[in-house]
Amino acid sequence: MRRLAAIALAVATLSAGPAAGQGALNLYCSGPVEWCQEMATGFQAATGTQVAMTQKSTGEVLAQIRAEAANPRGDVWWTGQADAHLVAAEQGLTEPFRPAALDDLEPWARDLWTASGGRTVGMAGLVVGIGYNTELLAKKKLPPPACWDDLLRPAYRGEIQMSNPHSSGTAYTILTILVQIKGEDAAFRFLQGMHANVNSYPRSGIAPTRAVARGETAISLGFVQGFAAETKAGFPVATAAPCEGTTLAVDAMSIVKGARNRAQARRFYDWALTPEAQALTAKAGQLHLPANRKAPPPPGTPDLSQARLVPQDLARFGRSAERNRLLARWDEEIGRLPR
């Protein structure tokens, strides 16, 4: 019911149409809708700014900002994986800005700002992982997965869900970490082998996490913090950081170049990195790692001290040419496979 109410609020906000003029902000959000709404209402309460919020997946927002480049409608793009924000920065779709809290941020958040020429900044951290429904696995007498290669087991046929990397920043991040760990050709062989076990590739990155929580799939790929949030909410979900290695992915934030409400966009940018705004993560039921070192991790954040974390190669995977090449290969070698 809580999620349904949040979605209803978000739809009501969207129906108002784009905001314009002084004291307004058009917010593009690629996070869970509950979190998007908390940020929109939180900023509105803190500043009196009227916020019109649009929630879409990472790839969809990137495509929308690109399509609107000649006549921008959005002011701030909040959340979404860092590689997509780097593509937007490379293509001149976002503008530089130095946030007031930059010196208080975690190194991974500051490094993104530096790498992008000040056009994007890290605002939350997530670890790529495997989630599974403990009740479904027990009912079907299936062992829980602990490693990437476990997902190739014939017993998991039709039991796995992974989002589509074209629209989902989560899935593109999963694709890139597999390429880093296994090598590109081996990663695509792995994805081909796993395809027989995949029941669907939804457009939304959060969809597989929600599906495994509700028993619509036994196993899904996503972020450890997302699965842990479902566990905290009372769903029978457990999670694993794959034994071969995984990565700390960064959710980012950017100001759209030519934003109609630039002053309010910059105000939101500064506000979103304050400890007070970062605390809204927990209020929205999310367990993302905060970028601001003065903000404590949300209660229930999973212990990842034993996880094998591989630094994400954003210099490579954040380039538009590399992103397009990998997505084209995914289409050719995975997307076209029969189901």
C-alpha atoms as a PDB file:
ATOM      1  CA  MET A   1       0.000   0.000   0.000  1.00  0.00           C
ATOM      2  CA  ARG A   2       2.872   2.355   0.786  1.00  0.00           C
ATOM      3  CA  ARG A   3       4.346   1.851  -2.676  1.00  0.00           C
ATOM      4  CA  LEU A   4       0.954   2.256  -4.350  1.00  0.00           C
ATOM      5  CA  ALA A   5       0.447   5.541  -2.524  1.00  0.00           C
ATOM      6  CA  ALA A   6       3.885   6.752  -3.578  1.00  0.00           C
ATOM      7  CA  ILE A   7       3.193   5.851  -7.188  1.00  0.00           C
ATOM      8  CA  ALA A   8      -0.139   7.678  -7.060  1.00  0.00           C
ATOM      9  CA  LEU A   9       1.606  10.771  -5.725  1.00  0.00           C
ATOM     10  CA  ALA A  10       4.228  10.561  -8.452  1.00  0.00           C
ATOM     11  CA  VAL A  11       1.578  10.254 -11.162  1.00  0.00           C
ATOM     12  CA  ALA A  12      -0.259  13.244  -9.725  1.00  0.00           C
ATOM     13  CA  THR A  13       2.960  15.238  -9.857  1.00  0.00           C
ATOM     14  CA  LEU A  14       3.574  14.194 -13.441  1.00  0.00           C
ATOM     15  CA  SER A  15       0.077  15.094 -14.564  1.00  0.00           C
ATOM     16  CA  ALA A  16       0.716  18.708 -13.654  1.00  0.00           C
ATOM     17  CA  GLY A  17       3.113  18.917 -16.640  1.00  0.00           C
ATOM     18  CA  PRO A  18       6.512  20.648 -16.751  1.00  0.00           C
ATOM     19  CA  ALA A  19       7.086  23.449 -14.304  1.00  0.00           C
ATOM     20  CA  ALA A  20       8.300  26.800 -15.607  1.00  0.00           C
ATOM     21  CA  GLY A  21       9.563  30.090 -14.259  1.00  0.00           C
ATOM     22  CA  GLN A  22      10.971  31.273 -10.951  1.00  0.00           C
ATOM     23  CA  GLY A  23      10.694  28.860  -8.022  1.00  0.00           C
ATOM     24  CA  ALA A  24      10.120  25.777 -10.202  1.00  0.00           C
ATOM     25  CA  LEU A  25      12.102  22.633 -10.989  1.00  0.00           C
ATOM     26  CA  ASN A  26      11.650  19.853 -13.550  1.00  0.00           C
ATOM     27  CA  LEU A  27      13.258  16.766 -12.050  1.00  0.00           C
ATOM     28  CA  TYR A  28      14.131  13.677 -14.104  1.00  0.00           C
ATOM     29  CA  CYS A  29      14.629  10.716 -11.770  1.00  0.00           C
ATOM     30  CA  SER A  30      15.934   7.212 -12.522  1.00  0.00           C
ATOM     31  CA  GLY A  31      15.608   5.759  -9.025  1.00  0.00           C
ATOM     32  CA  PRO A  32      12.754   3.859  -7.360  1.00  0.00           C
ATOM     33  CA  VAL A  33       9.610   5.979  -7.478  1.00  0.00           C
ATOM     34  CA  GLU A  34       9.321   6.119  -3.664  1.00  0.00           C
ATOM     35  CA  TRP A  35      12.786   7.662  -3.431  1.00  0.00           C
ATOM     36  CA  CYS A  36      12.113  10.044  -6.320  1.00  0.00           C
ATOM     37  CA  GLN A  37       8.979  11.262  -4.582  1.00  0.00           C
ATOM     38  CA  GLU A  38      10.735  11.713  -1.237  1.00  0.00           C
ATOM     39  CA  MET A  39      13.363  13.882  -2.923  1.00  0.00           C
ATOM     40  CA  ALA A  40      10.800  15.914  -4.841  1.00  0.00           C
ATOM     41  CA  THR A  41       8.613  16.587  -1.807  1.00  0.00           C
ATOM     42  CA  GLY A  42      11.650  17.060   0.458  1.00  0.00           C
ATOM     43  CA  PHE A  43      13.148  19.751  -1.761  1.00  0.00           C
ATOM     44  CA  GLN A  44       9.769  21.401  -2.142  1.00  0.00           C
ATOM     45  CA  ALA A  45       9.311  21.471   1.641  1.00  0.00           C
ATOM     46  CA  ALA A  46      12.849  22.765   2.248  1.00  0.00           C
ATOM     47  CA  THR A  47      12.790  25.546  -0.345  1.00  0.00           C
ATOM     48  CA  GLY A  48       9.205  26.203  -1.432  1.00  0.00           C
ATOM     49  CA  THR A  49      10.153  25.264  -4.980  1.00  0.00           C
ATOM     50  CA  GLN A  50       7.399  23.665  -7.057  1.00  0.00           C
ATOM     51  CA  VAL A  51       8.748  20.348  -8.364  1.00  0.00           C
ATOM     52  CA  ALA A  52       7.462  18.424 -11.399  1.00  0.00           C
ATOM     53  CA  MET A  53       8.991  14.936 -11.253  1.00  0.00           C
ATOM     54  CA  THR A  54       9.312  12.407 -14.079  1.00  0.00           C
ATOM     55  CA  GLN A  55      10.486   8.889 -13.208  1.00  0.00           C
ATOM     56  CA  LYS A  56      12.034   6.712 -15.934  1.00  0.00           C
ATOM     57  CA  SER A  57      14.856   4.194 -16.221  1.00  0.00           C
ATOM     58  CA  THR A  58      18.414   5.383 -16.832  1.00  0.00           C
ATOM     59  CA  GLY A  59      18.530   4.636 -20.538  1.00  0.00           C
ATOM     60  CA  GLU A  60      15.132   6.223 -21.108  1.00  0.00           C
ATOM     61  CA  VAL A  61      16.142   9.482 -19.391  1.00  0.00           C
ATOM     62  CA  LEU A  62      19.397   9.600 -21.354  1.00  0.00           C
ATOM     63  CA  ALA A  63      17.445   9.182 -24.585  1.00  0.00           C
ATOM     64  CA  GLN A  64      14.939  11.845 -23.540  1.00  0.00           C
ATOM     65  CA  ILE A  65      17.615  14.406 -22.641  1.00  0.00           C
ATOM     66  CA  ARG A  66      19.323  13.707 -25.958  1.00  0.00           C
ATOM     67  CA  ALA A  67      16.038  14.135 -27.866  1.00  0.00           C
ATOM     68  CA  GLU A  68      15.273  17.397 -26.039  1.00  0.00           C
ATOM     69  CA  ALA A  69      18.774  18.899 -26.445  1.00  0.00           C
ATOM     70  CA  ALA A  70      17.572  21.739 -28.672  1.00  0.00           C
ATOM     71  CA  ASN A  71      14.755  22.598 -26.278  1.00  0.00           C
ATOM     72  CA  PRO A  72      15.486  21.163 -22.807  1.00  0.00           C
ATOM     73  CA  ARG A  73      12.475  20.379 -20.629  1.00  0.00           C
ATOM     74  CA  GLY A  74      14.302  18.842 -17.678  1.00  0.00           C
ATOM     75  CA  ASP A  75      16.505  20.757 -15.228  1.00  0.00           C
ATOM     76  CA  VAL A  76      18.175  18.039 -13.133  1.00  0.00           C
ATOM     77  CA  TRP A  77      18.772  14.354 -13.795  1.00  0.00           C
ATOM     78  CA  TRP A  78      18.943  12.668 -10.396  1.00  0.00           C
ATOM     79  CA  THR A  79      20.099   9.056  -9.941  1.00  0.00           C
ATOM     80  CA  GLY A  80      20.818   6.661 -12.758  1.00  0.00           C
ATOM     81  CA  GLN A  81      24.106   4.846 -13.254  1.00  0.00           C
ATOM     82  CA  ALA A  82      27.263   6.918 -13.604  1.00  0.00           C
ATOM     83  CA  ASP A  83      28.233   5.532 -17.014  1.00  0.00           C
ATOM     84  CA  ALA A  84      25.081   7.008 -18.592  1.00  0.00           C
ATOM     85  CA  HIS A  85      25.732  10.384 -16.941  1.00  0.00           C
ATOM     86  CA  LEU A  86      29.268  10.271 -18.339  1.00  0.00           C
ATOM     87  CA  VAL A  87      27.847   9.656 -21.809  1.00  0.00           C
ATOM     88  CA  ALA A  88      25.604  12.705 -21.341  1.00  0.00           C
ATOM     89  CA  ALA A  89      28.625  14.737 -20.221  1.00  0.00           C
ATOM     90  CA  GLU A  90      30.680  13.565 -23.211  1.00  0.00           C
ATOM     91  CA  GLN A  91      27.891  14.583 -25.586  1.00  0.00           C
ATOM     92  CA  GLY A  92      27.564  18.046 -24.017  1.00  0.00           C
ATOM     93  CA  LEU A  93      24.065  17.388 -22.686  1.00  0.00           C
ATOM     94  CA  THR A  94      24.899  18.475 -19.124  1.00  0.00           C
ATOM     95  CA  GLU A  95      26.747  21.447 -17.671  1.00  0.00           C
ATOM     96  CA  PRO A  96      29.568  21.812 -15.120  1.00  0.00           C
ATOM     97  CA  PHE A  97      28.794  22.758 -11.532  1.00  0.00           C
ATOM     98  CA  ARG A  98      30.839  22.483  -8.341  1.00  0.00           C
ATOM     99  CA  PRO A  99      28.592  21.331  -5.478  1.00  0.00           C
ATOM    100  CA  ALA A 100      29.078  23.043  -2.132  1.00  0.00           C
ATOM    101  CA  ALA A 101      29.565  19.689  -0.357  1.00  0.00           C
ATOM    102  CA  LEU A 102      32.204  18.366  -2.782  1.00  0.00           C
ATOM    103  CA  ASP A 103      34.941  18.176  -0.141  1.00  0.00           C
ATOM    104  CA  ASP A 104      32.629  16.166   2.155  1.00  0.00           C
ATOM    105  CA  LEU A 105      31.941  13.452  -0.419  1.00  0.00           C
ATOM    106  CA  GLU A 106      33.320   9.923  -0.631  1.00  0.00           C
ATOM    107  CA  PRO A 107      36.262   9.524  -3.025  1.00  0.00           C
ATOM    108  CA  TRP A 108      34.118   7.568  -5.527  1.00  0.00           C
ATOM    109  CA  ALA A 109      31.670  10.480  -5.692  1.00  0.00           C
ATOM    110  CA  ARG A 110      34.389  13.133  -6.095  1.00  0.00           C
ATOM    111  CA  ASP A 111      36.294  11.036  -8.653  1.00  0.00           C
ATOM    112  CA  LEU A 112      33.228  10.965 -10.881  1.00  0.00           C
ATOM    113  CA  TRP A 113      32.954  14.760 -10.718  1.00  0.00           C
ATOM    114  CA  THR A 114      36.615  15.087 -11.713  1.00  0.00           C
ATOM    115  CA  ALA A 115      36.400  12.505 -14.509  1.00  0.00           C
ATOM    116  CA  SER A 116      33.373  14.259 -16.042  1.00  0.00           C
ATOM    117  CA  GLY A 117      34.924  17.727 -16.032  1.00  0.00           C
ATOM    118  CA  GLY A 118      32.527  18.725 -13.248  1.00  0.00           C
ATOM    119  CA  ARG A 119      29.409  17.734 -15.222  1.00  0.00           C
ATOM    120  CA  THR A 120      28.217  14.937 -12.925  1.00  0.00           C
ATOM    121  CA  VAL A 121      28.801  13.801  -9.365  1.00  0.00           C
ATOM    122  CA  GLY A 122      28.246  10.608  -7.398  1.00  0.00           C
ATOM    123  CA  MET A 123      25.326  10.777  -4.976  1.00  0.00           C
ATOM    124  CA  ALA A 124      24.868   7.147  -3.834  1.00  0.00           C
ATOM    125  CA  GLY A 125      26.654   3.794  -4.040  1.00  0.00           C
ATOM    126  CA  LEU A 126      25.340   0.306  -4.816  1.00  0.00           C
ATOM    127  CA  VAL A 127      26.942  -3.137  -5.092  1.00  0.00           C
ATOM    128  CA  VAL A 128      25.944  -5.418  -7.970  1.00  0.00           C
ATOM    129  CA  GLY A 129      24.641  -8.771  -6.749  1.00  0.00           C
ATOM    130  CA  ILE A 130      22.301 -11.723  -7.042  1.00  0.00           C
ATOM    131  CA  GLY A 131      18.975 -11.860  -5.227  1.00  0.00           C
ATOM    132  CA  TYR A 132      16.822 -14.912  -4.657  1.00  0.00           C
ATOM    133  CA  ASN A 133      13.475 -15.796  -3.118  1.00  0.00           C
ATOM    134  CA  THR A 134      14.266 -18.202  -0.290  1.00  0.00           C
ATOM    135  CA  GLU A 135      10.738 -19.653  -0.157  1.00  0.00           C
ATOM    136  CA  LEU A 136      10.622 -20.383  -3.891  1.00  0.00           C
ATOM    137  CA  LEU A 137      14.052 -22.009  -3.909  1.00  0.00           C
ATOM    138  CA  ALA A 138      13.115 -24.181  -0.930  1.00  0.00           C
ATOM    139  CA  LYS A 139       9.802 -25.163  -2.536  1.00  0.00           C
ATOM    140  CA  LYS A 140      11.560 -26.139  -5.786  1.00  0.00           C
ATOM    141  CA  LYS A 141      14.492 -27.721  -3.916  1.00  0.00           C
ATOM    142  CA  LEU A 142      17.017 -25.505  -5.693  1.00  0.00           C
ATOM    143  CA  PRO A 143      20.353 -24.454  -4.147  1.00  0.00           C
ATOM    144  CA  PRO A 144      20.906 -20.712  -3.599  1.00  0.00           C
ATOM    145  CA  PRO A 145      23.365 -19.074  -6.034  1.00  0.00           C
ATOM    146  CA  ALA A 146      26.571 -17.620  -4.658  1.00  0.00           C
ATOM    147  CA  CYS A 147      28.616 -17.027  -7.826  1.00  0.00           C
ATOM    148  CA  TRP A 148      28.063 -15.756 -11.358  1.00  0.00           C
ATOM    149  CA  ASP A 149      28.735 -19.205 -12.816  1.00  0.00           C
ATOM    150  CA  ASP A 150      26.039 -20.734 -10.599  1.00  0.00           C
ATOM    151  CA  LEU A 151      23.519 -18.964 -12.838  1.00  0.00           C
ATOM    152  CA  LEU A 152      24.369 -21.392 -15.651  1.00  0.00           C
ATOM    153  CA  ARG A 153      22.937 -24.393 -13.770  1.00  0.00           C
ATOM    154  CA  PRO A 154      20.362 -26.266 -15.890  1.00  0.00           C
ATOM    155  CA  ALA A 155      18.175 -26.527 -12.776  1.00  0.00           C
ATOM    156  CA  TYR A 156      17.615 -22.749 -12.967  1.00  0.00           C
ATOM    157  CA  ARG A 157      15.946 -22.923 -16.393  1.00  0.00           C
ATOM    158  CA  GLY A 158      13.314 -20.166 -16.567  1.00  0.00           C
ATOM    159  CA  GLU A 159      14.043 -19.056 -13.001  1.00  0.00           C
ATOM    160  CA  ILE A 160      16.198 -15.931 -13.560  1.00  0.00           C
ATOM    161  CA  GLN A 161      15.247 -12.353 -14.400  1.00  0.00           C
ATOM    162  CA  MET A 162      17.612  -9.611 -15.605  1.00  0.00           C
ATOM    163  CA  SER A 163      16.651  -6.203 -16.981  1.00  0.00           C
ATOM    164  CA  ASN A 164      17.449  -4.999 -20.493  1.00  0.00           C
ATOM    165  CA  PRO A 165      20.753  -3.068 -20.727  1.00  0.00           C
ATOM    166  CA  HIS A 166      19.369  -0.722 -23.404  1.00  0.00           C
ATOM    167  CA  SER A 167      16.928   0.894 -20.991  1.00  0.00           C
ATOM    168  CA  SER A 168      18.317  -0.183 -17.625  1.00  0.00           C
ATOM    169  CA  GLY A 169      21.463   1.301 -16.128  1.00  0.00           C
ATOM    170  CA  THR A 170      21.461  -1.602 -13.677  1.00  0.00           C
ATOM    171  CA  ALA A 171      21.695  -4.152 -16.496  1.00  0.00           C
ATOM    172  CA  TYR A 172      24.364  -2.192 -18.365  1.00  0.00           C
ATOM    173  CA  THR A 173      26.423  -2.095 -15.163  1.00  0.00           C
ATOM    174  CA  ILE A 174      26.002  -5.868 -14.795  1.00  0.00           C
ATOM    175  CA  LEU A 175      27.130  -6.319 -18.402  1.00  0.00           C
ATOM    176  CA  THR A 176      30.232  -4.184 -17.862  1.00  0.00           C
ATOM    177  CA  ILE A 177      31.332  -5.867 -14.643  1.00  0.00           C
ATOM    178  CA  LEU A 178      31.017  -9.272 -16.328  1.00  0.00           C
ATOM    179  CA  VAL A 179      33.211  -7.960 -19.154  1.00  0.00           C
ATOM    180  CA  GLN A 180      35.755  -6.709 -16.610  1.00  0.00           C
ATOM    181  CA  ILE A 181      35.850  -9.927 -14.592  1.00  0.00           C
ATOM    182  CA  LYS A 182      35.637 -12.519 -17.368  1.00  0.00           C
ATOM    183  CA  GLY A 183      36.886 -10.685 -20.453  1.00  0.00           C
ATOM    184  CA  GLU A 184      34.507  -9.574 -23.175  1.00  0.00           C
ATOM    185  CA  ASP A 185      34.178 -12.764 -25.241  1.00  0.00           C
ATOM    186  CA  ALA A 186      33.840 -14.945 -22.141  1.00  0.00           C
ATOM    187  CA  ALA A 187      31.259 -12.558 -20.695  1.00  0.00           C
ATOM    188  CA  PHE A 188      29.088 -12.856 -23.785  1.00  0.00           C
ATOM    189  CA  ARG A 189      29.440 -16.640 -23.770  1.00  0.00           C
ATOM    190  CA  PHE A 190      28.277 -16.555 -20.159  1.00  0.00           C
ATOM    191  CA  LEU A 191      25.253 -14.403 -21.069  1.00  0.00           C
ATOM    192  CA  GLN A 192      24.416 -16.753 -23.939  1.00  0.00           C
ATOM    193  CA  GLY A 193      24.571 -19.696 -21.559  1.00  0.00           C
ATOM    194  CA  MET A 194      22.434 -17.922 -18.961  1.00  0.00           C
ATOM    195  CA  HIS A 195      19.837 -16.932 -21.567  1.00  0.00           C
ATOM    196  CA  ALA A 196      18.136 -20.341 -21.363  1.00  0.00           C
ATOM    197  CA  ASN A 197      17.542 -19.700 -17.666  1.00  0.00           C
ATOM    198  CA  VAL A 198      16.179 -16.141 -18.110  1.00  0.00           C
ATOM    199  CA  ASN A 199      12.389 -15.769 -18.118  1.00  0.00           C
ATOM    200  CA  SER A 200      12.352 -12.082 -19.147  1.00  0.00           C
ATOM    201  CA  TYR A 201      14.407  -8.919 -19.667  1.00  0.00           C
ATOM    202  CA  PRO A 202      12.183  -6.085 -18.349  1.00  0.00           C
ATOM    203  CA  ARG A 203      12.992  -2.486 -19.244  1.00  0.00           C
ATOM    204  CA  SER A 204      13.208  -1.267 -15.650  1.00  0.00           C
ATOM    205  CA  GLY A 205      16.266  -2.023 -13.534  1.00  0.00           C
ATOM    206  CA  ILE A 206      14.196  -2.271 -10.341  1.00  0.00           C
ATOM    207  CA  ALA A 207      11.651  -4.665 -11.887  1.00  0.00           C
ATOM    208  CA  PRO A 208      13.670  -7.883 -11.320  1.00  0.00           C
ATOM    209  CA  THR A 209      14.223  -6.932  -7.671  1.00  0.00           C
ATOM    210  CA  ARG A 210      10.507  -6.383  -7.145  1.00  0.00           C
ATOM    211  CA  ALA A 211       9.721  -9.600  -9.057  1.00  0.00           C
ATOM    212  CA  VAL A 212      11.938 -11.780  -6.888  1.00  0.00           C
ATOM    213  CA  ALA A 213      10.464 -10.251  -3.733  1.00  0.00           C
ATOM    214  CA  ARG A 214       6.925 -11.101  -4.860  1.00  0.00           C
ATOM    215  CA  GLY A 215       7.732 -14.610  -5.980  1.00  0.00           C
ATOM    216  CA  GLU A 216       7.328 -13.872  -9.693  1.00  0.00           C
ATOM    217  CA  THR A 217      10.848 -15.190 -10.305  1.00  0.00           C
ATOM    218  CA  ALA A 218      13.156 -17.254  -8.130  1.00  0.00           C
ATOM    219  CA  ILE A 219      16.381 -15.389  -8.904  1.00  0.00           C
ATOM    220  CA  SER A 220      17.187 -11.936 -10.229  1.00  0.00           C
ATOM    221  CA  LEU A 221      20.182  -9.718 -10.901  1.00  0.00           C
ATOM    222  CA  GLY A 222      20.356  -6.254  -9.404  1.00  0.00           C
ATOM    223  CA  PHE A 223      21.914  -4.442  -6.471  1.00  0.00           C
ATOM    224  CA  VAL A 224      22.616  -5.945  -3.062  1.00  0.00           C
ATOM    225  CA  GLN A 225      21.126  -2.886  -1.338  1.00  0.00           C
ATOM    226  CA  GLY A 226      17.900  -3.230  -3.345  1.00  0.00           C
ATOM    227  CA  PHE A 227      17.479  -6.871  -2.355  1.00  0.00           C
ATOM    228  CA  ALA A 228      18.290  -6.051   1.274  1.00  0.00           C
ATOM    229  CA  ALA A 229      15.603  -3.346   1.249  1.00  0.00           C
ATOM    230  CA  GLU A 230      13.048  -5.957   0.164  1.00  0.00           C
ATOM    231  CA  THR A 231      14.219  -8.234   2.985  1.00  0.00           C
ATOM    232  CA  LYS A 232      13.838  -5.374   5.451  1.00  0.00           C
ATOM    233  CA  ALA A 233      10.305  -4.801   4.134  1.00  0.00           C
ATOM    234  CA  GLY A 234       9.408  -8.369   5.084  1.00  0.00           C
ATOM    235  CA  PHE A 235       9.829 -10.247   1.801  1.00  0.00           C
ATOM    236  CA  PRO A 236      11.640 -13.648   1.700  1.00  0.00           C
ATOM    237  CA  VAL A 237      14.672 -12.341  -0.193  1.00  0.00           C
ATOM    238  CA  ALA A 238      18.338 -13.138   0.356  1.00  0.00           C
ATOM    239  CA  THR A 239      21.293 -11.764  -1.583  1.00  0.00           C
ATOM    240  CA  ALA A 240      24.844 -12.650  -2.541  1.00  0.00           C
ATOM    241  CA  ALA A 241      27.813 -10.651  -3.787  1.00  0.00           C
ATOM    242  CA  PRO A 242      29.125 -13.026  -6.506  1.00  0.00           C
ATOM    243  CA  CYS A 243      32.191 -14.967  -5.413  1.00  0.00           C
ATOM    244  CA  GLU A 244      34.164 -14.183  -8.600  1.00  0.00           C
ATOM    245  CA  GLY A 245      33.868 -10.472  -7.873  1.00  0.00           C
ATOM    246  CA  THR A 246      31.499  -7.559  -8.305  1.00  0.00           C
ATOM    247  CA  THR A 247      31.631  -3.768  -8.273  1.00  0.00           C
ATOM    248  CA  LEU A 248      30.509  -0.684  -6.400  1.00  0.00           C
ATOM    249  CA  ALA A 249      28.278   1.091  -8.890  1.00  0.00           C
ATOM    250  CA  VAL A 250      27.656   4.813  -8.535  1.00  0.00           C
ATOM    251  CA  ASP A 251      24.321   6.574  -8.903  1.00  0.00           C
ATOM    252  CA  ALA A 252      24.956  10.073 -10.223  1.00  0.00           C
ATOM    253  CA  MET A 253      23.383  13.509 -10.610  1.00  0.00           C
ATOM    254  CA  SER A 254      23.695  16.085 -13.412  1.00  0.00           C
ATOM    255  CA  ILE A 255      22.295  19.480 -14.411  1.00  0.00           C
ATOM    256  CA  VAL A 256      20.804  19.511 -17.902  1.00  0.00           C
ATOM    257  CA  LYS A 257      22.549  21.931 -20.260  1.00  0.00           C
ATOM    258  CA  GLY A 258      20.258  24.856 -21.039  1.00  0.00           C
ATOM    259  CA  ALA A 259      18.011  24.116 -18.059  1.00  0.00           C
ATOM    260  CA  ARG A 260      15.067  26.518 -17.930  1.00  0.00           C
ATOM    261  CA  ASN A 261      15.312  26.749 -14.142  1.00  0.00           C
ATOM    262  CA  ARG A 262      19.086  26.840 -13.722  1.00  0.00           C
ATOM    263  CA  ALA A 263      19.120  28.615 -10.355  1.00  0.00           C
ATOM    264  CA  GLN A 264      16.758  26.076  -8.825  1.00  0.00           C
ATOM    265  CA  ALA A 265      18.654  23.229 -10.504  1.00  0.00           C
ATOM    266  CA  ARG A 266      21.850  24.345  -8.800  1.00  0.00           C
ATOM    267  CA  ARG A 267      19.996  24.765  -5.535  1.00  0.00           C
ATOM    268  CA  PHE A 268      18.660  21.196  -5.777  1.00  0.00           C
ATOM    269  CA  TYR A 269      22.151  19.913  -6.681  1.00  0.00           C
ATOM    270  CA  ASP A 270      23.604  21.403  -3.502  1.00  0.00           C
ATOM    271  CA  TRP A 271      20.649  20.344  -1.342  1.00  0.00           C
ATOM    272  CA  ALA A 272      20.638  16.724  -2.593  1.00  0.00           C
ATOM    273  CA  LEU A 273      24.185  16.205  -1.295  1.00  0.00           C
ATOM    274  CA  THR A 274      23.520  17.502   2.225  1.00  0.00           C
ATOM    275  CA  PRO A 275      23.323  14.975   5.070  1.00  0.00           C
ATOM    276  CA  GLU A 276      19.669  15.930   5.556  1.00  0.00           C
ATOM    277  CA  ALA A 277      18.711  15.131   1.961  1.00  0.00           C
ATOM    278  CA  GLN A 278      20.843  11.989   1.930  1.00  0.00           C
ATOM    279  CA  ALA A 279      18.922  10.782   4.988  1.00  0.00           C
ATOM    280  CA  LEU A 280      15.758  10.641   2.854  1.00  0.00           C
ATOM    281  CA  THR A 281      17.216   7.471   1.324  1.00  0.00           C
ATOM    282  CA  ALA A 282      16.295   5.537   4.459  1.00  0.00           C
ATOM    283  CA  LYS A 283      12.933   7.290   4.740  1.00  0.00           C
ATOM    284  CA  ALA A 284      12.107   6.021   1.245  1.00  0.00           C
ATOM    285  CA  GLY A 285      12.987   2.476   2.298  1.00  0.00           C
ATOM    286  CA  GLN A 286      16.258   2.404   0.317  1.00  0.00           C
ATOM    287  CA  LEU A 287      19.670   1.243   1.554  1.00  0.00           C
ATOM    288  CA  HIS A 288      22.019   2.993  -0.894  1.00  0.00           C
ATOM    289  CA  LEU A 289      25.392   4.063   0.481  1.00  0.00           C
ATOM    290  CA  PRO A 290      25.434   7.858   0.967  1.00  0.00           C
ATOM    291  CA  ALA A 291      27.928   9.953  -0.979  1.00  0.00           C
ATOM    292  CA  ASN A 292      28.291  12.478   1.850  1.00  0.00           C
ATOM    293  CA  ARG A 293      30.629  11.113   4.524  1.00  0.00           C
ATOM    294  CA  LYS A 294      28.699  13.062   7.177  1.00  0.00           C
ATOM    295  CA  ALA A 295      25.547  11.067   6.423  1.00  0.00           C
ATOM    296  CA  PRO A 296      25.348   7.679   8.178  1.00  0.00           C
ATOM    297  CA  PRO A 297      24.452   4.583   6.136  1.00  0.00           C
ATOM    298  CA  PRO A 298      20.745   3.707   6.365  1.00  0.00           C
ATOM    299  CA  PRO A 299      19.849   1.205   9.118  1.00  0.00           C
ATOM    300  CA  GLY A 300      19.913  -2.321   7.728  1.00  0.00           C
ATOM    301  CA  THR A 301      22.647  -1.647   5.150  1.00  0.00           C
ATOM    302  CA  PRO A 302      24.172  -5.066   4.314  1.00  0.00           C
ATOM    303  CA  ASP A 303      27.687  -5.928   5.459  1.00  0.00           C
ATOM    304  CA  LEU A 304      29.875  -6.085   2.359  1.00  0.00           C
ATOM    305  CA  SER A 305      33.231  -6.279   4.104  1.00  0.00           C
ATOM    306  CA  GLN A 306      33.923  -9.713   2.579  1.00  0.00           C
ATOM    307  CA  ALA A 307      32.795  -8.864  -0.950  1.00  0.00           C
ATOM    308  CA  ARG A 308      35.403  -8.898  -3.703  1.00  0.00           C
ATOM    309  CA  LEU A 309      34.950  -5.435  -5.205  1.00  0.00           C
ATOM    310  CA  VAL A 310      36.460  -4.634  -8.596  1.00  0.00           C
ATOM    311  CA  PRO A 311      36.672  -0.893  -9.439  1.00  0.00           C
ATOM    312  CA  GLN A 312      34.289  -0.067 -12.274  1.00  0.00           C
ATOM    313  CA  ASP A 313      36.186   1.086 -15.385  1.00  0.00           C
ATOM    314  CA  LEU A 314      34.093   4.190 -16.043  1.00  0.00           C
ATOM    315  CA  ALA A 315      36.775   5.670 -18.294  1.00  0.00           C
ATOM    316  CA  ARG A 316      35.982   2.837 -20.707  1.00  0.00           C
ATOM    317  CA  PHE A 317      32.319   2.042 -20.138  1.00  0.00           C
ATOM    318  CA  GLY A 318      31.258   5.662 -19.739  1.00  0.00           C
ATOM    319  CA  ARG A 319      32.203   6.469 -23.347  1.00  0.00           C
ATOM    320  CA  SER A 320      29.275   6.624 -25.733  1.00  0.00           C
ATOM    321  CA  ALA A 321      31.101   4.695 -28.477  1.00  0.00           C
ATOM    322  CA  GLU A 322      31.918   1.823 -26.115  1.00  0.00           C
ATOM    323  CA  ARG A 323      28.410   1.793 -24.680  1.00  0.00           C
ATOM    324  CA  ASN A 324      26.864   1.673 -28.146  1.00  0.00           C
ATOM    325  CA  ARG A 325      29.242  -1.066 -29.259  1.00  0.00           C
ATOM    326  CA  LEU A 326      28.491  -3.301 -26.275  1.00  0.00           C
ATOM    327  CA  LEU A 327      24.748  -2.761 -26.563  1.00  0.00           C
ATOM    328  CA  ALA A 328      24.877  -3.603 -30.268  1.00  0.00           C
ATOM    329  CA  ARG A 329      26.749  -6.804 -29.455  1.00  0.00           C
ATOM    330  CA  TRP A 330      24.172  -7.631 -26.781  1.00  0.00           C
ATOM    331  CA  ASP A 331      21.417  -7.199 -29.382  1.00  0.00           C
ATOM    332  CA  GLU A 332      23.205  -9.440 -31.857  1.00  0.00           C
ATOM    333  CA  GLU A 333      24.287 -12.195 -29.487  1.00  0.00           C
ATOM    334  CA  ILE A 334      21.679 -12.130 -26.702  1.00  0.00           C
ATOM    335  CA  GLY A 335      18.660 -10.039 -27.596  1.00  0.00           C
ATOM    336  CA  ARG A 336      17.952 -11.991 -30.792  1.00  0.00           C
ATOM    337  CA  LEU A 337      18.176 -15.437 -29.216  1.00  0.00           C
ATOM    338  CA  PRO A 338      14.903 -17.404 -29.338  1.00  0.00           C
ATOM    339  CA  ARG A 339      12.907 -17.738 -26.162  1.00  0.00           C
END
